PDB file of N, CA and C in Angstrom:
ATOM      1  N   UNK A   1       1.169  -0.825  -0.523  1.00  0.00           N
ATOM      2  CA  UNK A   1       0.013   0.021  -0.380  1.00  0.00           C
ATOM      3  C   UNK A   1       0.691   0.825  -0.075  1.00  0.00           C
ATOM      4  N   UNK A   2       0.356   2.094  -0.659  1.00  0.00           N
ATOM      5  CA  UNK A   2       1.185   3.050  -1.488  1.00  0.00           C
ATOM      6  C   UNK A   2       1.791   4.015  -0.825  1.00  0.00           C
ATOM      7  N   UNK A   3       2.010   5.127   0.328  1.00  0.00           N
ATOM      8  CA  UNK A   3       1.989   6.017   0.727  1.00  0.00           C
ATOM      9  C   UNK A   3       2.060   5.779   2.307  1.00  0.00           C
ATOM     10  N   UNK A   4       1.683   4.896   2.317  1.00  0.00           N
ATOM     11  CA  UNK A   4       1.287   4.193   4.385  1.00  0.00           C
ATOM     12  C   UNK A   4       3.132   3.948   4.943  1.00  0.00           C
ATOM     13  N   UNK A   5       3.072   5.220   6.076  1.00  0.00           N
ATOM     14  CA  UNK A   5       4.483   5.198   6.514  1.00  0.00           C
ATOM     15  C   UNK A   5       4.133   4.292   7.760  1.00  0.00           C
ATOM     16  N   UNK A   6       3.804   3.157   7.894  1.00  0.00           N
ATOM     17  CA  UNK A   6       3.606   2.968   9.257  1.00  0.00           C
ATOM     18  C   UNK A   6       1.772   1.189   9.237  1.00  0.00           C
ATOM     19  N   UNK A   7       2.026   1.125   9.969  1.00  0.00           N
ATOM     20  CA  UNK A   7       0.740   0.550  10.507  1.00  0.00           C
ATOM     21  C   UNK A   7      -0.484   1.597  11.289  1.00  0.00           C
ATOM     22  N   UNK A   8      -2.078   0.878  11.056  1.00  0.00           N
ATOM     23  CA  UNK A   8      -2.810   2.175  11.053  1.00  0.00           C
ATOM     24  C   UNK A   8      -2.527   2.395  12.378  1.00  0.00           C
ATOM     25  N   UNK A   9      -2.347   2.364  13.302  1.00  0.00           N
ATOM     26  CA  UNK A   9      -1.633   2.531  14.557  1.00  0.00           C
ATOM     27  C   UNK A   9      -1.216   4.697  14.480  1.00  0.00           C
ATOM     28  N   UNK A  10      -0.013   4.087  13.646  1.00  0.00           N
ATOM     29  CA  UNK A  10       0.968   5.530  13.444  1.00  0.00           C
ATOM     30  C   UNK A  10       0.115   6.007  12.761  1.00  0.00           C
ATOM     31  N   UNK A  11      -0.396   5.229  10.878  1.00  0.00           N
ATOM     32  CA  UNK A  11      -1.036   5.907  10.341  1.00  0.00           C
ATOM     33  C   UNK A  11      -1.683   6.768  10.871  1.00  0.00           C
ATOM     34  N   UNK A  12      -2.938   6.842  10.927  1.00  0.00           N
ATOM     35  CA  UNK A  12      -4.580   7.774  11.614  1.00  0.00           C
ATOM     36  C   UNK A  12      -4.782   7.762  12.583  1.00  0.00           C
ATOM     37  N   UNK A  13      -4.768   6.610  13.397  1.00  0.00           N
ATOM     38  CA  UNK A  13      -4.803   5.885  15.249  1.00  0.00           C
ATOM     39  C   UNK A  13      -4.709   7.732  16.095  1.00  0.00           C
ATOM     40  N   UNK A  14      -2.905   7.881  15.954  1.00  0.00           N
ATOM     41  CA  UNK A  14      -2.533   8.785  16.597  1.00  0.00           C
ATOM     42  C   UNK A  14      -3.037  10.584  16.163  1.00  0.00           C
ATOM     43  N   UNK A  15      -4.127  10.338  15.852  1.00  0.00           N
ATOM     44  CA  UNK A  15      -5.081  12.026  15.454  1.00  0.00           C
ATOM     45  C   UNK A  15      -6.428  11.299  16.749  1.00  0.00           C
ATOM     46  N   UNK A  16      -6.828  10.014  16.319  1.00  0.00           N
ATOM     47  CA  UNK A  16      -7.990   9.659  17.510  1.00  0.00           C
ATOM     48  C   UNK A  16      -7.417   9.322  18.531  1.00  0.00           C
ATOM     49  N   UNK A  17      -5.993   9.087  18.773  1.00  0.00           N
ATOM     50  CA  UNK A  17      -5.265   9.268  20.504  1.00  0.00           C
ATOM     51  C   UNK A  17      -5.179  10.568  21.416  1.00  0.00           C
ATOM     52  N   UNK A  18      -5.011  11.239  20.007  1.00  0.00           N
ATOM     53  CA  UNK A  18      -5.505  13.008  20.801  1.00  0.00           C
ATOM     54  C   UNK A  18      -6.017  13.895  21.178  1.00  0.00           C
ATOM     55  N   UNK A  19      -7.050  13.030  20.119  1.00  0.00           N
ATOM     56  CA  UNK A  19      -8.637  13.371  20.494  1.00  0.00           C
ATOM     57  C   UNK A  19      -8.851  12.880  22.058  1.00  0.00           C
ATOM     58  N   UNK A  20      -8.396  11.310  22.192  1.00  0.00           N
ATOM     59  CA  UNK A  20      -9.352  11.262  23.452  1.00  0.00           C
ATOM     60  C   UNK A  20      -8.849  11.914  24.767  1.00  0.00           C
ATOM     61  N   UNK A  21      -7.604  11.871  24.409  1.00  0.00           N
ATOM     62  CA  UNK A  21      -6.577  12.271  25.879  1.00  0.00           C
ATOM     63  C   UNK A  21      -6.712  13.921  26.169  1.00  0.00           C
ATOM     64  N   UNK A  22      -8.116  14.796  24.326  1.00  0.00           N
ATOM     65  CA  UNK A  22      -7.803  16.276  25.224  1.00  0.00           C
ATOM     66  C   UNK A  22      -8.841  15.993  25.923  1.00  0.00           C
ATOM     67  N   UNK A  23     -10.277  15.081  25.343  1.00  0.00           N
ATOM     68  CA  UNK A  23     -11.390  14.956  26.086  1.00  0.00           C
ATOM     69  C   UNK A  23     -11.597  14.095  27.451  1.00  0.00           C
ATOM     70  N   UNK A  24     -10.983  12.947  27.268  1.00  0.00           N
ATOM     71  CA  UNK A  24     -11.213  12.734  28.862  1.00  0.00           C
ATOM     72  C   UNK A  24      -9.747  12.457  29.028  1.00  0.00           C
ATOM     73  N   UNK A  25      -8.586  12.502  28.981  1.00  0.00           N
ATOM     74  CA  UNK A  25      -7.807  13.060  29.637  1.00  0.00           C
ATOM     75  C   UNK A  25      -5.911  12.898  29.907  1.00  0.00           C
ATOM     76  N   UNK A  26      -5.053  12.835  30.591  1.00  0.00           N
ATOM     77  CA  UNK A  26      -3.585  12.787  30.741  1.00  0.00           C
ATOM     78  C   UNK A  26      -4.191  10.551  30.653  1.00  0.00           C
ATOM     79  N   UNK A  27      -3.463   9.586  30.356  1.00  0.00           N
ATOM     80  CA  UNK A  27      -3.583   8.143  29.926  1.00  0.00           C
ATOM     81  C   UNK A  27      -2.183   7.723  31.027  1.00  0.00           C
ATOM     82  N   UNK A  28      -2.168   6.932  32.459  1.00  0.00           N
ATOM     83  CA  UNK A  28      -1.815   6.451  32.958  1.00  0.00           C
ATOM     84  C   UNK A  28      -0.940   4.695  32.069  1.00  0.00           C
ATOM     85  N   UNK A  29      -1.918   4.228  32.123  1.00  0.00           N
ATOM     86  CA  UNK A  29      -1.038   3.039  31.827  1.00  0.00           C
ATOM     87  C   UNK A  29      -2.113   2.567  30.170  1.00  0.00           C
ATOM     88  N   UNK A  30      -1.637   1.137  29.321  1.00  0.00           N
ATOM     89  CA  UNK A  30      -1.706   1.347  28.439  1.00  0.00           C
ATOM     90  C   UNK A  30      -1.660  -0.343  27.351  1.00  0.00           C
ATOM     91  N   UNK A  31      -3.102  -0.721  27.377  1.00  0.00           N
ATOM     92  CA  UNK A  31      -3.141  -2.780  27.079  1.00  0.00           C
ATOM     93  C   UNK A  31      -3.298  -2.539  25.607  1.00  0.00           C
ATOM     94  N   UNK A  32      -2.670  -2.837  25.180  1.00  0.00           N
ATOM     95  CA  UNK A  32      -2.814  -3.270  23.510  1.00  0.00           C
ATOM     96  C   UNK A  32      -2.448  -3.940  23.144  1.00  0.00           C
ATOM     97  N   UNK A  33      -3.363  -4.578  21.594  1.00  0.00           N
ATOM     98  CA  UNK A  33      -3.079  -5.366  21.251  1.00  0.00           C
ATOM     99  C   UNK A  33      -3.485  -4.658  18.883  1.00  0.00           C
ATOM    100  N   UNK A  34      -2.167  -5.643  18.165  1.00  0.00           N
ATOM    101  CA  UNK A  34      -2.743  -5.244  17.265  1.00  0.00           C
ATOM    102  C   UNK A  34      -1.753  -6.656  16.146  1.00  0.00           C
ATOM    103  N   UNK A  35      -2.832  -7.285  14.722  1.00  0.00           N
ATOM    104  CA  UNK A  35      -2.063  -8.049  14.575  1.00  0.00           C
ATOM    105  C   UNK A  35      -1.984  -7.339  12.401  1.00  0.00           C
ATOM    106  N   UNK A  36      -1.578  -8.398  12.414  1.00  0.00           N
ATOM    107  CA  UNK A  36      -1.870  -8.186  10.382  1.00  0.00           C
ATOM    108  C   UNK A  36      -2.567  -9.283   9.571  1.00  0.00           C
ATOM    109  N   UNK A  37      -3.395 -10.385  10.439  1.00  0.00           N
ATOM    110  CA  UNK A  37      -4.215 -11.819   9.743  1.00  0.00           C
ATOM    111  C   UNK A  37      -4.331 -11.344   8.106  1.00  0.00           C
ATOM    112  N   UNK A  38      -4.769  -9.753   8.323  1.00  0.00           N
ATOM    113  CA  UNK A  38      -5.832  -9.382   6.476  1.00  0.00           C
ATOM    114  C   UNK A  38      -4.503  -8.253   5.527  1.00  0.00           C
ATOM    115  N   UNK A  39      -4.545  -8.161   4.206  1.00  0.00           N
ATOM    116  CA  UNK A  39      -3.853  -7.365   4.457  1.00  0.00           C
ATOM    117  C   UNK A  39      -2.176  -7.069   3.914  1.00  0.00           C
ATOM    118  N   UNK A  40      -1.844  -8.254   4.157  1.00  0.00           N
ATOM    119  CA  UNK A  40      -0.221  -8.667   4.201  1.00  0.00           C
ATOM    120  C   UNK A  40       1.065  -8.097   3.692  1.00  0.00           C
ATOM    121  N   UNK A  41       0.045  -7.161   2.886  1.00  0.00           N
ATOM    122  CA  UNK A  41       0.909  -5.874   2.103  1.00  0.00           C
ATOM    123  C   UNK A  41       1.464  -5.423   2.596  1.00  0.00           C
ATOM    124  N   UNK A  42       0.666  -4.492   4.098  1.00  0.00           N
ATOM    125  CA  UNK A  42       1.198  -3.278   4.171  1.00  0.00           C
ATOM    126  C   UNK A  42       2.879  -4.012   5.747  1.00  0.00           C
ATOM    127  N   UNK A  43       2.777  -3.582   5.775  1.00  0.00           N
ATOM    128  CA  UNK A  43       4.071  -3.668   6.524  1.00  0.00           C
ATOM    129  C   UNK A  43       3.635  -3.861   8.060  1.00  0.00           C
ATOM    130  N   UNK A  44       3.157  -2.753   8.907  1.00  0.00           N
ATOM    131  CA  UNK A  44       2.766  -2.599  10.222  1.00  0.00           C
ATOM    132  C   UNK A  44       0.831  -3.151  10.614  1.00  0.00           C
ATOM    133  N   UNK A  45       0.261  -3.375  11.752  1.00  0.00           N
ATOM    134  CA  UNK A  45      -0.536  -3.928  11.802  1.00  0.00           C
ATOM    135  C   UNK A  45      -1.080  -2.980  11.558  1.00  0.00           C
ATOM    136  N   UNK A  46      -2.235  -4.314  10.869  1.00  0.00           N
ATOM    137  CA  UNK A  46      -3.550  -3.369   9.707  1.00  0.00           C
ATOM    138  C   UNK A  46      -4.699  -3.460  10.592  1.00  0.00           C
ATOM    139  N   UNK A  47      -4.736  -4.569  12.050  1.00  0.00           N
ATOM    140  CA  UNK A  47      -5.711  -4.094  12.943  1.00  0.00           C
ATOM    141  C   UNK A  47      -4.864  -3.837  14.555  1.00  0.00           C
ATOM    142  N   UNK A  48      -5.467  -2.985  14.942  1.00  0.00           N
ATOM    143  CA  UNK A  48      -5.553  -3.058  16.818  1.00  0.00           C
ATOM    144  C   UNK A  48      -6.343  -1.875  17.524  1.00  0.00           C
ATOM    145  N   UNK A  49      -6.635  -2.672  18.771  1.00  0.00           N
ATOM    146  CA  UNK A  49      -7.041  -2.330  19.637  1.00  0.00           C
ATOM    147  C   UNK A  49      -6.822  -1.723  20.989  1.00  0.00           C
ATOM    148  N   UNK A  50      -6.623  -1.051  21.406  1.00  0.00           N
ATOM    149  CA  UNK A  50      -5.726  -0.136  23.364  1.00  0.00           C
ATOM    150  C   UNK A  50      -7.385   0.297  23.965  1.00  0.00           C
ATOM    151  N   UNK A  51      -6.398   0.218  24.740  1.00  0.00           N
ATOM    152  CA  UNK A  51      -7.761   0.341  25.957  1.00  0.00           C
ATOM    153  C   UNK A  51      -6.441   1.534  26.945  1.00  0.00           C
ATOM    154  N   UNK A  52      -6.645   2.288  27.181  1.00  0.00           N
ATOM    155  CA  UNK A  52      -6.539   3.671  28.118  1.00  0.00           C
ATOM    156  C   UNK A  52      -7.257   3.653  29.318  1.00  0.00           C
ATOM    157  N   UNK A  53      -6.413   3.334  30.767  1.00  0.00           N
ATOM    158  CA  UNK A  53      -7.127   4.545  31.957  1.00  0.00           C
ATOM    159  C   UNK A  53      -5.959   5.499  32.172  1.00  0.00           C
ATOM    160  N   UNK A  54      -7.112   5.867  32.399  1.00  0.00           N
ATOM    161  CA  UNK A  54      -6.875   7.556  32.852  1.00  0.00           C
ATOM    162  C   UNK A  54      -7.190   7.589  33.470  1.00  0.00           C
ATOM    163  N   UNK A  55      -5.857   9.235  34.310  1.00  0.00           N
ATOM    164  CA  UNK A  55      -5.444   9.780  35.977  1.00  0.00           C
ATOM    165  C   UNK A  55      -6.072  10.143  36.316  1.00  0.00           C
ATOM    166  N   UNK A  56      -7.046  10.666  35.633  1.00  0.00           N
ATOM    167  CA  UNK A  56      -8.932   9.963  36.501  1.00  0.00           C
ATOM    168  C   UNK A  56      -9.935   8.554  37.228  1.00  0.00           C
ATOM    169  N   UNK A  57      -9.249   8.114  36.510  1.00  0.00           N
ATOM    170  CA  UNK A  57      -9.797   5.993  36.520  1.00  0.00           C
ATOM    171  C   UNK A  57     -11.360   6.138  35.531  1.00  0.00           C
ATOM    172  N   UNK A  58     -10.793   6.754  35.167  1.00  0.00           N
ATOM    173  CA  UNK A  58     -12.396   6.534  33.799  1.00  0.00           C
ATOM    174  C   UNK A  58     -10.695   5.965  32.359  1.00  0.00           C
ATOM    175  N   UNK A  59     -11.535   4.939  31.231  1.00  0.00           N
ATOM    176  CA  UNK A  59     -11.777   4.009  31.280  1.00  0.00           C
ATOM    177  C   UNK A  59     -12.182   4.495  29.279  1.00  0.00           C
ATOM    178  N   UNK A  60     -10.972   4.020  28.172  1.00  0.00           N
ATOM    179  CA  UNK A  60     -11.612   4.384  26.970  1.00  0.00           C
ATOM    180  C   UNK A  60     -10.530   3.344  26.560  1.00  0.00           C
ATOM    181  N   UNK A  61     -11.444   3.163  24.358  1.00  0.00           N
ATOM    182  CA  UNK A  61     -11.277   2.388  24.493  1.00  0.00           C
ATOM    183  C   UNK A  61     -11.578   2.054  22.679  1.00  0.00           C
ATOM    184  N   UNK A  62     -10.001   2.789  22.437  1.00  0.00           N
ATOM    185  CA  UNK A  62      -9.817   2.587  20.711  1.00  0.00           C
ATOM    186  C   UNK A  62      -9.860   1.794  19.349  1.00  0.00           C
ATOM    187  N   UNK A  63     -10.210   0.921  18.368  1.00  0.00           N
ATOM    188  CA  UNK A  63     -10.245   0.240  18.096  1.00  0.00           C
ATOM    189  C   UNK A  63     -10.011   0.264  16.943  1.00  0.00           C
ATOM    190  N   UNK A  64      -8.711   0.275  15.794  1.00  0.00           N
ATOM    191  CA  UNK A  64      -8.519   1.071  14.315  1.00  0.00           C
ATOM    192  C   UNK A  64      -8.671  -0.929  13.519  1.00  0.00           C
ATOM    193  N   UNK A  65      -8.802  -0.468  12.088  1.00  0.00           N
ATOM    194  CA  UNK A  65      -8.752  -0.884  11.190  1.00  0.00           C
ATOM    195  C   UNK A  65      -8.365  -0.487   9.986  1.00  0.00           C
ATOM    196  N   UNK A  66      -7.459  -1.874   9.059  1.00  0.00           N
ATOM    197  CA  UNK A  66      -7.373  -1.385   7.802  1.00  0.00           C
ATOM    198  C   UNK A  66      -8.086  -2.151   6.959  1.00  0.00           C
ATOM    199  N   UNK A  67      -9.043  -3.018   7.988  1.00  0.00           N
ATOM    200  CA  UNK A  67      -9.369  -4.993   6.745  1.00  0.00           C
ATOM    201  C   UNK A  67     -10.965  -4.536   6.649  1.00  0.00           C
ATOM    202  N   UNK A  68     -11.671  -3.689   7.158  1.00  0.00           N
ATOM    203  CA  UNK A  68     -12.761  -3.004   7.007  1.00  0.00           C
ATOM    204  C   UNK A  68     -13.353  -2.374   6.161  1.00  0.00           C
ATOM    205  N   UNK A  69     -14.375  -2.360   5.073  1.00  0.00           N
ATOM    206  CA  UNK A  69     -14.765  -1.789   3.912  1.00  0.00           C
ATOM    207  C   UNK A  69     -15.066  -0.810   4.065  1.00  0.00           C
ATOM    208  N   UNK A  70     -15.419  -0.332   5.410  1.00  0.00           N
ATOM    209  CA  UNK A  70     -15.639   0.603   4.959  1.00  0.00           C
ATOM    210  C   UNK A  70     -15.615   2.034   6.497  1.00  0.00           C
ATOM    211  N   UNK A  71     -15.233   3.537   6.321  1.00  0.00           N
ATOM    212  CA  UNK A  71     -14.802   3.406   7.982  1.00  0.00           C
ATOM    213  C   UNK A  71     -15.661   3.909   8.916  1.00  0.00           C
ATOM    214  N   UNK A  72     -15.633   3.368   9.377  1.00  0.00           N
ATOM    215  CA  UNK A  72     -16.878   3.939  10.717  1.00  0.00           C
ATOM    216  C   UNK A  72     -17.062   4.502  11.999  1.00  0.00           C
ATOM    217  N   UNK A  73     -17.502   5.399  11.846  1.00  0.00           N
ATOM    218  CA  UNK A  73     -17.494   6.952  13.239  1.00  0.00           C
ATOM    219  C   UNK A  73     -18.392   6.029  13.991  1.00  0.00           C
ATOM    220  N   UNK A  74     -17.929   5.786  15.272  1.00  0.00           N
ATOM    221  CA  UNK A  74     -19.152   4.753  16.303  1.00  0.00           C
ATOM    222  C   UNK A  74     -18.868   6.391  17.677  1.00  0.00           C
ATOM    223  N   UNK A  75     -17.823   6.135  17.631  1.00  0.00           N
ATOM    224  CA  UNK A  75     -18.357   8.209  19.173  1.00  0.00           C
ATOM    225  C   UNK A  75     -19.056   9.239  18.468  1.00  0.00           C
ATOM    226  N   UNK A  76     -19.858   9.794  19.793  1.00  0.00           N
ATOM    227  CA  UNK A  76     -20.498  11.522  19.193  1.00  0.00           C
ATOM    228  C   UNK A  76     -19.389  11.626  20.582  1.00  0.00           C
ATOM    229  N   UNK A  77     -19.618  13.077  20.953  1.00  0.00           N
ATOM    230  CA  UNK A  77     -19.558  13.319  21.587  1.00  0.00           C
ATOM    231  C   UNK A  77     -19.844  14.514  22.131  1.00  0.00           C
ATOM    232  N   UNK A  78     -20.527  14.702  22.711  1.00  0.00           N
ATOM    233  CA  UNK A  78     -21.225  16.313  23.326  1.00  0.00           C
ATOM    234  C   UNK A  78     -20.706  16.653  24.409  1.00  0.00           C
ATOM    235  N   UNK A  79     -22.044  17.492  25.273  1.00  0.00           N
ATOM    236  CA  UNK A  79     -20.496  18.639  26.353  1.00  0.00           C
ATOM    237  C   UNK A  79     -20.702  17.394  27.552  1.00  0.00           C
ATOM    238  N   UNK A  80     -22.216  17.131  27.642  1.00  0.00           N
ATOM    239  CA  UNK A  80     -22.487  16.517  28.971  1.00  0.00           C
ATOM    240  C   UNK A  80     -22.525  14.769  29.070  1.00  0.00           C
ATOM    241  N   UNK A  81     -22.366  13.982  28.397  1.00  0.00           N
ATOM    242  CA  UNK A  81     -21.494  12.528  28.178  1.00  0.00           C
ATOM    243  C   UNK A  81     -20.809  12.450  26.707  1.00  0.00           C
ATOM    244  N   UNK A  82     -21.079  10.702  26.631  1.00  0.00           N
ATOM    245  CA  UNK A  82     -19.912  10.183  26.376  1.00  0.00           C
ATOM    246  C   UNK A  82     -21.218   9.375  25.506  1.00  0.00           C
ATOM    247  N   UNK A  83     -21.675   9.181  24.005  1.00  0.00           N
ATOM    248  CA  UNK A  83     -21.948   8.166  23.403  1.00  0.00           C
ATOM    249  C   UNK A  83     -20.304   6.971  22.907  1.00  0.00           C
ATOM    250  N   UNK A  84     -22.108   6.189  23.068  1.00  0.00           N
ATOM    251  CA  UNK A  84     -20.617   5.147  22.492  1.00  0.00           C
ATOM    252  C   UNK A  84     -21.587   4.412  21.391  1.00  0.00           C
ATOM    253  N   UNK A  85     -21.278   3.287  20.647  1.00  0.00           N
ATOM    254  CA  UNK A  85     -22.216   2.726  19.645  1.00  0.00           C
ATOM    255  C   UNK A  85     -23.404   1.539  20.254  1.00  0.00           C
ATOM    256  N   UNK A  86     -23.146   1.034  21.460  1.00  0.00           N
ATOM    257  CA  UNK A  86     -24.084   0.437  22.317  1.00  0.00           C
ATOM    258  C   UNK A  86     -24.529   1.647  23.393  1.00  0.00           C
ATOM    259  N   UNK A  87     -24.608   2.861  24.047  1.00  0.00           N
ATOM    260  CA  UNK A  87     -24.935   3.248  24.764  1.00  0.00           C
ATOM    261  C   UNK A  87     -24.711   4.581  25.087  1.00  0.00           C
ATOM    262  N   UNK A  88     -25.344   5.033  26.394  1.00  0.00           N
ATOM    263  CA  UNK A  88     -24.445   6.432  26.867  1.00  0.00           C
ATOM    264  C   UNK A  88     -23.506   6.252  28.133  1.00  0.00           C
ATOM    265  N   UNK A  89     -22.668   7.063  28.648  1.00  0.00           N
ATOM    266  CA  UNK A  89     -21.829   6.834  29.854  1.00  0.00           C
ATOM    267  C   UNK A  89     -21.985   8.037  30.380  1.00  0.00           C
TER     268      UNK A  89
END
C-alpha cells in the first residue's frame, strides 16, 4: 500500500489518541493488541485495539482497522455525555 508510513495506529490512530486525551484526560496505563492477519501487503499492523486507563480513573477503548470496507465513526461527543455504539456513559 503506497503512502503508508507505518501501521494503522501510527498512520491514522495517532489523531484519535490525541482527541481521546484532550477530551478524557491524560493516560496512566495502556494495553494494546494488534495483528496483520488481513492485507499482508502492509508492513505494519492492520488492526489494533487499545485500552486506555486515564489518570482520572476513566477508561476508553480505541479500535482501528484497515481490514474493513467502510470507515465507521462509532463515537459521538457531547458536552454532557459520551455516547458509544451501545449506549451512554
